[in-house]
Amino acid sequence: MRDRERKGKGKETPAGYHHEVKNRIKEKTLTMKPTKLSFAAAATISAALAAVAALYFFPTQQRQQKIFTAEELSLYNGTDAALPILLGILGSVFDVTKGKSHYGTGGGYNHFSGRDASRAFVSGNFTGDGLTDSLRDLSSTDVKSIVEWRDFYFKSYIFVGKLIGRYYDEQGNPTKYLKGVEAKAARGAQLLEKQKKEEAKQPSCNSRWSQDEGGKVWCDEGYPRLVQRPLEIALTGKMSKRCACFRQDQLNDPGLEVYSGCDPLSISCAV
């Protein structure tokens, strides 16, 4: 019994010692007061996290938006090296300074700088009345193309604000005209998709052209015929035809036109 008591009163085992040290360290850690350094570090980390959050939730394209008048926008046409180069499209204004070689003085796209020349993106008229934001009489496919150009600038350049006028009011709210343009573009996209599905039912002809031989169309299966594109009027405002390949049992279908000077049963025609 005494031997057992003596053993019990002996030194603590290494395992017991380490257990007690761990407990003391834990207690001390829990009762430690934050130092000035820890507060400074926490403040630095918080500021960094806030900056990252700002960049994540509020990207550059959505910061520092401004409402421009046409007169104000005209100052940013690339002639003043101290100012950024801006352009407008459908009333949205973008900083295109990083493309200075194109949009600056002497650049190939300088006619777009300092103004909203939305129409010129599809008309190719870069002078006089062509440099306008009016889309009057343009087809739904043309309007769709301009909306796609605007999307390109949103992805590639910095959005800085809106232009008061045809597309936005003085508070920066979209006008009925802008809503109508976007609806027309959406309609154009729907019609194009419908046209693709319809034309996929009747395969198109193969075609090629060379300076020496001129043009040629041919079918791997069937016979080439010209056929109207019924949705083209709604898309472009004009009638047009395409070359499609038809089986022999379809050649009497209405609306099919044989190429001038081509044998009706030839699988290829000069055009």
C-alpha atoms as a PDB file:
ATOM      1  CA  MET A   1       0.000   0.000   0.000  1.00  0.00           C
ATOM      2  CA  ARG A   2       2.770   2.448   0.957  1.00  0.00           C
ATOM      3  CA  ASP A   3       4.612   1.605  -2.222  1.00  0.00           C
ATOM      4  CA  ARG A   4       1.493   2.428  -4.138  1.00  0.00           C
ATOM      5  CA  GLU A   5       1.070   5.733  -2.270  1.00  0.00           C
ATOM      6  CA  ARG A   6       4.716   6.593  -2.887  1.00  0.00           C
ATOM      7  CA  LYS A   7       4.235   5.981  -6.550  1.00  0.00           C
ATOM      8  CA  GLY A   8       1.159   8.176  -6.556  1.00  0.00           C
ATOM      9  CA  LYS A   9       3.058  11.065  -4.926  1.00  0.00           C
ATOM     10  CA  GLY A  10       5.923  10.886  -7.404  1.00  0.00           C
ATOM     11  CA  LYS A  11       6.619  13.273 -10.291  1.00  0.00           C
ATOM     12  CA  GLU A  12       3.967  13.774 -12.951  1.00  0.00           C
ATOM     13  CA  THR A  13       4.300  11.700 -16.056  1.00  0.00           C
ATOM     14  CA  PRO A  14       5.372  13.427 -19.302  1.00  0.00           C
ATOM     15  CA  ALA A  15       1.875  12.957 -20.704  1.00  0.00           C
ATOM     16  CA  GLY A  16       0.310  14.663 -17.707  1.00  0.00           C
ATOM     17  CA  TYR A  17       2.820  17.507 -17.889  1.00  0.00           C
ATOM     18  CA  HIS A  18       2.114  18.226 -21.545  1.00  0.00           C
ATOM     19  CA  HIS A  19      -1.607  18.157 -20.874  1.00  0.00           C
ATOM     20  CA  GLU A  20      -1.254  20.798 -18.145  1.00  0.00           C
ATOM     21  CA  VAL A  21       1.014  22.994 -20.303  1.00  0.00           C
ATOM     22  CA  LYS A  22      -1.525  22.900 -23.110  1.00  0.00           C
ATOM     23  CA  ASN A  23      -4.288  23.955 -20.744  1.00  0.00           C
ATOM     24  CA  ARG A  24      -2.211  26.865 -19.408  1.00  0.00           C
ATOM     25  CA  ILE A  25      -1.360  28.052 -22.916  1.00  0.00           C
ATOM     26  CA  LYS A  26      -5.015  27.843 -23.879  1.00  0.00           C
ATOM     27  CA  GLU A  27      -6.093  29.827 -20.804  1.00  0.00           C
ATOM     28  CA  LYS A  28      -3.441  32.474 -21.444  1.00  0.00           C
ATOM     29  CA  THR A  29      -4.417  32.760 -25.078  1.00  0.00           C
ATOM     30  CA  LEU A  30      -8.067  33.251 -24.209  1.00  0.00           C
ATOM     31  CA  THR A  31      -7.269  35.970 -21.680  1.00  0.00           C
ATOM     32  CA  MET A  32      -4.770  37.872 -23.871  1.00  0.00           C
ATOM     33  CA  LYS A  33      -5.774  41.412 -24.786  1.00  0.00           C
ATOM     34  CA  PRO A  34      -5.412  42.505 -28.397  1.00  0.00           C
ATOM     35  CA  THR A  35      -2.327  44.583 -29.014  1.00  0.00           C
ATOM     36  CA  LYS A  36      -2.158  47.754 -31.099  1.00  0.00           C
ATOM     37  CA  LEU A  37      -0.437  45.738 -33.799  1.00  0.00           C
ATOM     38  CA  SER A  38      -3.320  43.274 -34.014  1.00  0.00           C
ATOM     39  CA  PHE A  39      -5.807  46.140 -34.341  1.00  0.00           C
ATOM     40  CA  ALA A  40      -3.694  47.713 -37.100  1.00  0.00           C
ATOM     41  CA  ALA A  41      -3.426  44.399 -38.904  1.00  0.00           C
ATOM     42  CA  ALA A  42      -7.168  43.865 -38.623  1.00  0.00           C
ATOM     43  CA  ALA A  43      -7.817  47.343 -39.996  1.00  0.00           C
ATOM     44  CA  THR A  44      -5.485  46.704 -42.923  1.00  0.00           C
ATOM     45  CA  ILE A  45      -7.142  43.381 -43.704  1.00  0.00           C
ATOM     46  CA  SER A  46     -10.606  44.941 -43.468  1.00  0.00           C
ATOM     47  CA  ALA A  47      -9.620  47.735 -45.842  1.00  0.00           C
ATOM     48  CA  ALA A  48      -8.175  45.240 -48.308  1.00  0.00           C
ATOM     49  CA  LEU A  49     -11.299  43.099 -48.187  1.00  0.00           C
ATOM     50  CA  ALA A  50     -13.472  46.169 -48.698  1.00  0.00           C
ATOM     51  CA  ALA A  51     -11.419  47.162 -51.739  1.00  0.00           C
ATOM     52  CA  VAL A  52     -11.711  43.685 -53.220  1.00  0.00           C
ATOM     53  CA  ALA A  53     -15.455  43.658 -52.549  1.00  0.00           C
ATOM     54  CA  ALA A  54     -15.829  47.040 -54.237  1.00  0.00           C
ATOM     55  CA  LEU A  55     -14.025  45.789 -57.321  1.00  0.00           C
ATOM     56  CA  TYR A  56     -16.078  42.607 -57.356  1.00  0.00           C
ATOM     57  CA  PHE A  57     -19.504  44.089 -56.805  1.00  0.00           C
ATOM     58  CA  PHE A  58     -18.921  47.431 -58.540  1.00  0.00           C
ATOM     59  CA  PRO A  59     -16.698  46.812 -61.591  1.00  0.00           C
ATOM     60  CA  THR A  60     -14.946  49.668 -63.366  1.00  0.00           C
ATOM     61  CA  GLN A  61     -17.590  49.730 -66.087  1.00  0.00           C
ATOM     62  CA  GLN A  62     -20.220  50.717 -63.508  1.00  0.00           C
ATOM     63  CA  ARG A  63     -18.359  53.379 -61.511  1.00  0.00           C
ATOM     64  CA  GLN A  64     -18.243  57.155 -61.882  1.00  0.00           C
ATOM     65  CA  GLN A  65     -21.177  57.415 -64.270  1.00  0.00           C
ATOM     66  CA  LYS A  66     -21.945  60.874 -65.627  1.00  0.00           C
ATOM     67  CA  ILE A  67     -24.800  62.439 -67.562  1.00  0.00           C
ATOM     68  CA  PHE A  68     -23.431  64.202 -70.660  1.00  0.00           C
ATOM     69  CA  THR A  69     -24.910  66.802 -72.955  1.00  0.00           C
ATOM     70  CA  ALA A  70     -23.987  66.624 -76.637  1.00  0.00           C
ATOM     71  CA  GLU A  71     -21.844  69.748 -76.195  1.00  0.00           C
ATOM     72  CA  GLU A  72     -19.925  68.204 -73.299  1.00  0.00           C
ATOM     73  CA  LEU A  73     -19.348  64.956 -75.143  1.00  0.00           C
ATOM     74  CA  SER A  74     -17.964  66.816 -78.161  1.00  0.00           C
ATOM     75  CA  LEU A  75     -15.005  67.987 -76.048  1.00  0.00           C
ATOM     76  CA  TYR A  76     -13.747  64.401 -75.747  1.00  0.00           C
ATOM     77  CA  ASN A  77     -13.061  63.843 -79.443  1.00  0.00           C
ATOM     78  CA  GLY A  78      -9.342  63.165 -79.140  1.00  0.00           C
ATOM     79  CA  THR A  79      -8.078  66.630 -80.048  1.00  0.00           C
ATOM     80  CA  ASP A  80      -7.167  67.529 -76.437  1.00  0.00           C
ATOM     81  CA  ALA A  81      -4.408  65.248 -75.152  1.00  0.00           C
ATOM     82  CA  ALA A  82      -5.315  66.139 -71.560  1.00  0.00           C
ATOM     83  CA  LEU A  83      -8.800  64.634 -71.897  1.00  0.00           C
ATOM     84  CA  PRO A  84      -9.901  61.028 -72.379  1.00  0.00           C
ATOM     85  CA  ILE A  85     -11.466  59.984 -75.678  1.00  0.00           C
ATOM     86  CA  LEU A  86     -15.168  59.174 -75.415  1.00  0.00           C
ATOM     87  CA  LEU A  87     -17.790  57.925 -77.832  1.00  0.00           C
ATOM     88  CA  GLY A  88     -21.505  57.291 -77.588  1.00  0.00           C
ATOM     89  CA  ILE A  89     -23.645  54.528 -79.015  1.00  0.00           C
ATOM     90  CA  LEU A  90     -27.386  54.283 -78.354  1.00  0.00           C
ATOM     91  CA  GLY A  91     -26.858  56.933 -75.674  1.00  0.00           C
ATOM     92  CA  SER A  92     -24.280  54.934 -73.693  1.00  0.00           C
ATOM     93  CA  VAL A  93     -20.907  56.676 -73.362  1.00  0.00           C
ATOM     94  CA  PHE A  94     -17.602  54.788 -73.257  1.00  0.00           C
ATOM     95  CA  ASP A  95     -13.988  55.712 -72.582  1.00  0.00           C
ATOM     96  CA  VAL A  96     -12.036  54.413 -75.584  1.00  0.00           C
ATOM     97  CA  THR A  97      -8.734  56.091 -74.720  1.00  0.00           C
ATOM     98  CA  LYS A  98      -6.920  52.748 -74.668  1.00  0.00           C
ATOM     99  CA  GLY A  99      -7.727  52.540 -78.383  1.00  0.00           C
ATOM    100  CA  LYS A 100      -6.211  55.974 -79.032  1.00  0.00           C
ATOM    101  CA  SER A 101      -4.478  54.817 -82.213  1.00  0.00           C
ATOM    102  CA  HIS A 102      -7.924  54.096 -83.672  1.00  0.00           C
ATOM    103  CA  TYR A 103     -10.136  56.712 -82.000  1.00  0.00           C
ATOM    104  CA  GLY A 104      -7.660  59.576 -81.661  1.00  0.00           C
ATOM    105  CA  THR A 105      -6.921  62.284 -84.222  1.00  0.00           C
ATOM    106  CA  GLY A 106      -5.989  60.665 -87.517  1.00  0.00           C
ATOM    107  CA  GLY A 107      -7.301  57.263 -86.445  1.00  0.00           C
ATOM    108  CA  GLY A 108      -9.604  55.250 -88.660  1.00  0.00           C
ATOM    109  CA  TYR A 109     -12.469  55.439 -86.139  1.00  0.00           C
ATOM    110  CA  ASN A 110     -11.982  59.039 -85.035  1.00  0.00           C
ATOM    111  CA  HIS A 111     -15.304  60.004 -86.640  1.00  0.00           C
ATOM    112  CA  PHE A 112     -17.049  58.132 -83.787  1.00  0.00           C
ATOM    113  CA  SER A 113     -15.248  60.086 -81.053  1.00  0.00           C
ATOM    114  CA  GLY A 114     -16.967  62.901 -79.165  1.00  0.00           C
ATOM    115  CA  ARG A 115     -20.443  62.035 -80.469  1.00  0.00           C
ATOM    116  CA  ASP A 116     -23.138  59.394 -80.771  1.00  0.00           C
ATOM    117  CA  ALA A 117     -23.014  58.194 -84.375  1.00  0.00           C
ATOM    118  CA  SER A 118     -24.965  54.975 -83.845  1.00  0.00           C
ATOM    119  CA  ARG A 119     -26.309  54.834 -87.398  1.00  0.00           C
ATOM    120  CA  ALA A 120     -22.827  54.887 -88.944  1.00  0.00           C
ATOM    121  CA  PHE A 121     -21.975  51.547 -87.311  1.00  0.00           C
ATOM    122  CA  VAL A 122     -24.092  49.838 -89.979  1.00  0.00           C
ATOM    123  CA  SER A 123     -24.502  52.452 -92.718  1.00  0.00           C
ATOM    124  CA  GLY A 124     -20.800  53.057 -93.342  1.00  0.00           C
ATOM    125  CA  ASN A 125     -21.580  56.733 -93.948  1.00  0.00           C
ATOM    126  CA  PHE A 126     -18.975  58.575 -91.870  1.00  0.00           C
ATOM    127  CA  THR A 127     -19.621  62.098 -93.131  1.00  0.00           C
ATOM    128  CA  GLY A 128     -22.272  64.759 -92.656  1.00  0.00           C
ATOM    129  CA  ASP A 129     -25.752  63.419 -91.968  1.00  0.00           C
ATOM    130  CA  GLY A 130     -24.413  59.880 -91.675  1.00  0.00           C
ATOM    131  CA  LEU A 131     -22.872  60.658 -88.284  1.00  0.00           C
ATOM    132  CA  THR A 132     -26.172  60.632 -86.421  1.00  0.00           C
ATOM    133  CA  ASP A 133     -27.796  58.661 -83.625  1.00  0.00           C
ATOM    134  CA  SER A 134     -31.069  58.328 -85.557  1.00  0.00           C
ATOM    135  CA  LEU A 135     -31.957  54.790 -86.646  1.00  0.00           C
ATOM    136  CA  ARG A 136     -34.987  55.818 -88.651  1.00  0.00           C
ATOM    137  CA  ASP A 137     -35.907  53.397 -91.468  1.00  0.00           C
ATOM    138  CA  LEU A 138     -33.197  50.886 -90.537  1.00  0.00           C
ATOM    139  CA  SER A 139     -34.157  47.215 -90.687  1.00  0.00           C
ATOM    140  CA  SER A 140     -34.462  45.007 -87.627  1.00  0.00           C
ATOM    141  CA  THR A 141     -31.206  43.244 -88.544  1.00  0.00           C
ATOM    142  CA  ASP A 142     -29.387  46.580 -88.791  1.00  0.00           C
ATOM    143  CA  VAL A 143     -30.769  47.635 -85.406  1.00  0.00           C
ATOM    144  CA  LYS A 144     -29.749  44.258 -83.989  1.00  0.00           C
ATOM    145  CA  SER A 145     -26.201  44.835 -85.270  1.00  0.00           C
ATOM    146  CA  ILE A 146     -26.008  48.244 -83.565  1.00  0.00           C
ATOM    147  CA  VAL A 147     -27.189  46.763 -80.259  1.00  0.00           C
ATOM    148  CA  GLU A 148     -24.477  44.121 -80.639  1.00  0.00           C
ATOM    149  CA  TRP A 149     -21.906  46.889 -81.204  1.00  0.00           C
ATOM    150  CA  ARG A 150     -23.049  48.514 -77.964  1.00  0.00           C
ATOM    151  CA  ASP A 151     -22.613  45.162 -76.188  1.00  0.00           C
ATOM    152  CA  PHE A 152     -19.092  44.975 -77.614  1.00  0.00           C
ATOM    153  CA  TYR A 153     -18.189  48.336 -76.061  1.00  0.00           C
ATOM    154  CA  PHE A 154     -19.622  47.281 -72.702  1.00  0.00           C
ATOM    155  CA  LYS A 155     -17.339  44.245 -72.766  1.00  0.00           C
ATOM    156  CA  SER A 156     -14.227  45.899 -74.198  1.00  0.00           C
ATOM    157  CA  TYR A 157     -14.171  49.468 -72.868  1.00  0.00           C
ATOM    158  CA  ILE A 158     -15.127  51.477 -69.780  1.00  0.00           C
ATOM    159  CA  PHE A 159     -18.728  52.633 -69.502  1.00  0.00           C
ATOM    160  CA  VAL A 160     -18.624  56.181 -68.098  1.00  0.00           C
ATOM    161  CA  GLY A 161     -22.147  57.532 -68.443  1.00  0.00           C
ATOM    162  CA  LYS A 162     -25.145  58.406 -70.569  1.00  0.00           C
ATOM    163  CA  LEU A 163     -25.922  61.025 -73.174  1.00  0.00           C
ATOM    164  CA  ILE A 164     -28.985  63.241 -72.777  1.00  0.00           C
ATOM    165  CA  GLY A 165     -31.124  63.150 -75.889  1.00  0.00           C
ATOM    166  CA  ARG A 166     -32.748  60.494 -78.007  1.00  0.00           C
ATOM    167  CA  TYR A 167     -32.011  57.535 -75.722  1.00  0.00           C
ATOM    168  CA  TYR A 168     -31.790  58.965 -72.180  1.00  0.00           C
ATOM    169  CA  ASP A 169     -33.499  61.837 -70.402  1.00  0.00           C
ATOM    170  CA  GLU A 170     -31.822  64.389 -68.117  1.00  0.00           C
ATOM    171  CA  GLN A 171     -32.028  61.990 -65.160  1.00  0.00           C
ATOM    172  CA  GLY A 172     -30.397  59.186 -67.126  1.00  0.00           C
ATOM    173  CA  ASN A 173     -33.596  57.191 -67.539  1.00  0.00           C
ATOM    174  CA  PRO A 174     -34.086  55.274 -70.811  1.00  0.00           C
ATOM    175  CA  THR A 175     -36.559  56.842 -73.231  1.00  0.00           C
ATOM    176  CA  LYS A 176     -39.354  55.129 -75.133  1.00  0.00           C
ATOM    177  CA  TYR A 177     -37.179  55.379 -78.232  1.00  0.00           C
ATOM    178  CA  LEU A 178     -34.426  53.268 -76.646  1.00  0.00           C
ATOM    179  CA  LYS A 179     -36.940  50.686 -75.472  1.00  0.00           C
ATOM    180  CA  GLY A 180     -38.353  50.556 -78.991  1.00  0.00           C
ATOM    181  CA  VAL A 181     -34.880  50.071 -80.476  1.00  0.00           C
ATOM    182  CA  GLU A 182     -34.110  47.204 -78.106  1.00  0.00           C
ATOM    183  CA  ALA A 183     -37.485  45.579 -78.840  1.00  0.00           C
ATOM    184  CA  LYS A 184     -36.837  45.840 -82.587  1.00  0.00           C
ATOM    185  CA  ALA A 185     -33.390  44.277 -82.158  1.00  0.00           C
ATOM    186  CA  ALA A 186     -34.896  41.400 -80.170  1.00  0.00           C
ATOM    187  CA  ARG A 187     -37.478  40.904 -82.906  1.00  0.00           C
ATOM    188  CA  GLY A 188     -34.694  40.817 -85.492  1.00  0.00           C
ATOM    189  CA  ALA A 189     -32.879  38.119 -83.527  1.00  0.00           C
ATOM    190  CA  GLN A 190     -36.046  36.016 -83.382  1.00  0.00           C
ATOM    191  CA  LEU A 191     -36.651  36.363 -87.124  1.00  0.00           C
ATOM    192  CA  LEU A 192     -33.066  35.425 -87.962  1.00  0.00           C
ATOM    193  CA  GLU A 193     -33.340  32.302 -85.845  1.00  0.00           C
ATOM    194  CA  LYS A 194     -36.622  31.402 -87.521  1.00  0.00           C
ATOM    195  CA  GLN A 195     -35.094  31.976 -90.955  1.00  0.00           C
ATOM    196  CA  LYS A 196     -32.165  29.679 -90.143  1.00  0.00           C
ATOM    197  CA  LYS A 197     -34.512  26.901 -89.083  1.00  0.00           C
ATOM    198  CA  GLU A 198     -36.680  27.295 -92.184  1.00  0.00           C
ATOM    199  CA  GLU A 199     -33.736  27.355 -94.584  1.00  0.00           C
ATOM    200  CA  ALA A 200     -32.138  24.354 -92.892  1.00  0.00           C
ATOM    201  CA  LYS A 201     -35.067  22.294 -94.206  1.00  0.00           C
ATOM    202  CA  GLN A 202     -33.879  22.958 -97.768  1.00  0.00           C
ATOM    203  CA  PRO A 203     -30.066  22.785 -98.094  1.00  0.00           C
ATOM    204  CA  SER A 204     -28.249  25.707 -99.685  1.00  0.00           C
ATOM    205  CA  CYS A 205     -26.162  25.373-102.839  1.00  0.00           C
ATOM    206  CA  ASN A 206     -22.388  25.277-102.828  1.00  0.00           C
ATOM    207  CA  SER A 207     -20.830  28.319-104.453  1.00  0.00           C
ATOM    208  CA  ARG A 208     -17.506  29.758-105.521  1.00  0.00           C
ATOM    209  CA  TRP A 209     -16.174  32.691-107.477  1.00  0.00           C
ATOM    210  CA  SER A 210     -12.865  33.446-109.174  1.00  0.00           C
ATOM    211  CA  GLN A 211     -11.533  36.256-111.326  1.00  0.00           C
ATOM    212  CA  ASP A 212     -10.867  33.885-114.224  1.00  0.00           C
ATOM    213  CA  GLU A 213     -13.962  31.675-114.154  1.00  0.00           C
ATOM    214  CA  GLY A 214     -16.558  33.918-112.558  1.00  0.00           C
ATOM    215  CA  GLY A 215     -19.244  32.478-110.285  1.00  0.00           C
ATOM    216  CA  LYS A 216     -20.610  28.970-110.006  1.00  0.00           C
ATOM    217  CA  VAL A 217     -23.261  27.239-107.873  1.00  0.00           C
ATOM    218  CA  TRP A 218     -23.792  23.490-107.589  1.00  0.00           C
ATOM    219  CA  CYS A 219     -25.514  20.808-105.557  1.00  0.00           C
ATOM    220  CA  ASP A 220     -24.025  17.614-104.168  1.00  0.00           C
ATOM    221  CA  GLU A 221     -27.546  16.196-104.177  1.00  0.00           C
ATOM    222  CA  GLY A 222     -30.399  17.675-106.204  1.00  0.00           C
ATOM    223  CA  TYR A 223     -30.623  20.640-108.567  1.00  0.00           C
ATOM    224  CA  PRO A 224     -29.909  24.336-107.950  1.00  0.00           C
ATOM    225  CA  ARG A 225     -32.849  26.709-107.917  1.00  0.00           C
ATOM    226  CA  LEU A 226     -33.371  30.316-106.876  1.00  0.00           C
ATOM    227  CA  VAL A 227     -36.027  30.694-104.192  1.00  0.00           C
ATOM    228  CA  GLN A 228     -37.467  33.669-102.315  1.00  0.00           C
ATOM    229  CA  ARG A 229     -36.543  34.254 -98.686  1.00  0.00           C
ATOM    230  CA  PRO A 230     -39.974  35.105 -97.212  1.00  0.00           C
ATOM    231  CA  LEU A 231     -38.675  36.485 -93.906  1.00  0.00           C
ATOM    232  CA  GLU A 232     -36.203  38.811 -95.590  1.00  0.00           C
ATOM    233  CA  ILE A 233     -38.735  41.628 -95.965  1.00  0.00           C
ATOM    234  CA  ALA A 234     -39.329  41.661 -92.214  1.00  0.00           C
ATOM    235  CA  LEU A 235     -35.589  41.455 -91.533  1.00  0.00           C
ATOM    236  CA  THR A 236     -34.162  43.924 -94.045  1.00  0.00           C
ATOM    237  CA  GLY A 237     -37.153  45.565 -95.685  1.00  0.00           C
ATOM    238  CA  LYS A 238     -36.096  44.085 -99.039  1.00  0.00           C
ATOM    239  CA  MET A 239     -36.877  40.976-101.042  1.00  0.00           C
ATOM    240  CA  SER A 240     -34.004  38.619-101.749  1.00  0.00           C
ATOM    241  CA  LYS A 241     -33.388  35.140-103.095  1.00  0.00           C
ATOM    242  CA  ARG A 242     -31.032  32.322-102.253  1.00  0.00           C
ATOM    243  CA  CYS A 243     -29.796  29.239-104.072  1.00  0.00           C
ATOM    244  CA  ALA A 244     -31.137  25.972-102.661  1.00  0.00           C
ATOM    245  CA  CYS A 245     -30.930  22.341-103.766  1.00  0.00           C
ATOM    246  CA  PHE A 246     -34.148  20.505-104.645  1.00  0.00           C
ATOM    247  CA  ARG A 247     -34.877  16.874-105.431  1.00  0.00           C
ATOM    248  CA  GLN A 248     -36.258  16.038-108.864  1.00  0.00           C
ATOM    249  CA  ASP A 249     -39.718  15.382-107.430  1.00  0.00           C
ATOM    250  CA  GLN A 250     -39.723  18.940-106.011  1.00  0.00           C
ATOM    251  CA  LEU A 251     -38.842  20.776-109.204  1.00  0.00           C
ATOM    252  CA  ASN A 252     -42.473  21.566-110.013  1.00  0.00           C
ATOM    253  CA  ASP A 253     -43.054  23.243-106.643  1.00  0.00           C
ATOM    254  CA  PRO A 254     -44.207  26.881-106.996  1.00  0.00           C
ATOM    255  CA  GLY A 255     -41.699  29.698-106.555  1.00  0.00           C
ATOM    256  CA  LEU A 256     -38.623  27.881-107.916  1.00  0.00           C
ATOM    257  CA  GLU A 257     -36.553  29.699-110.529  1.00  0.00           C
ATOM    258  CA  VAL A 258     -33.997  28.148-112.884  1.00  0.00           C
ATOM    259  CA  TYR A 259     -30.783  30.127-113.319  1.00  0.00           C
ATOM    260  CA  SER A 260     -30.696  31.989-116.621  1.00  0.00           C
ATOM    261  CA  GLY A 261     -28.864  29.975-119.290  1.00  0.00           C
ATOM    262  CA  CYS A 262     -28.662  26.857-117.112  1.00  0.00           C
ATOM    263  CA  ASP A 263     -30.051  23.439-118.054  1.00  0.00           C
ATOM    264  CA  PRO A 264     -32.973  22.660-115.689  1.00  0.00           C
ATOM    265  CA  LEU A 265     -31.485  19.233-114.918  1.00  0.00           C
ATOM    266  CA  SER A 266     -27.891  20.376-114.501  1.00  0.00           C
ATOM    267  CA  ILE A 267     -26.405  20.019-111.027  1.00  0.00           C
ATOM    268  CA  SER A 268     -24.269  23.159-111.532  1.00  0.00           C
ATOM    269  CA  CYS A 269     -24.875  26.592-113.018  1.00  0.00           C
ATOM    270  CA  ALA A 270     -22.706  29.552-113.954  1.00  0.00           C
ATOM    271  CA  VAL A 271     -23.800  32.764-112.247  1.00  0.00           C
END
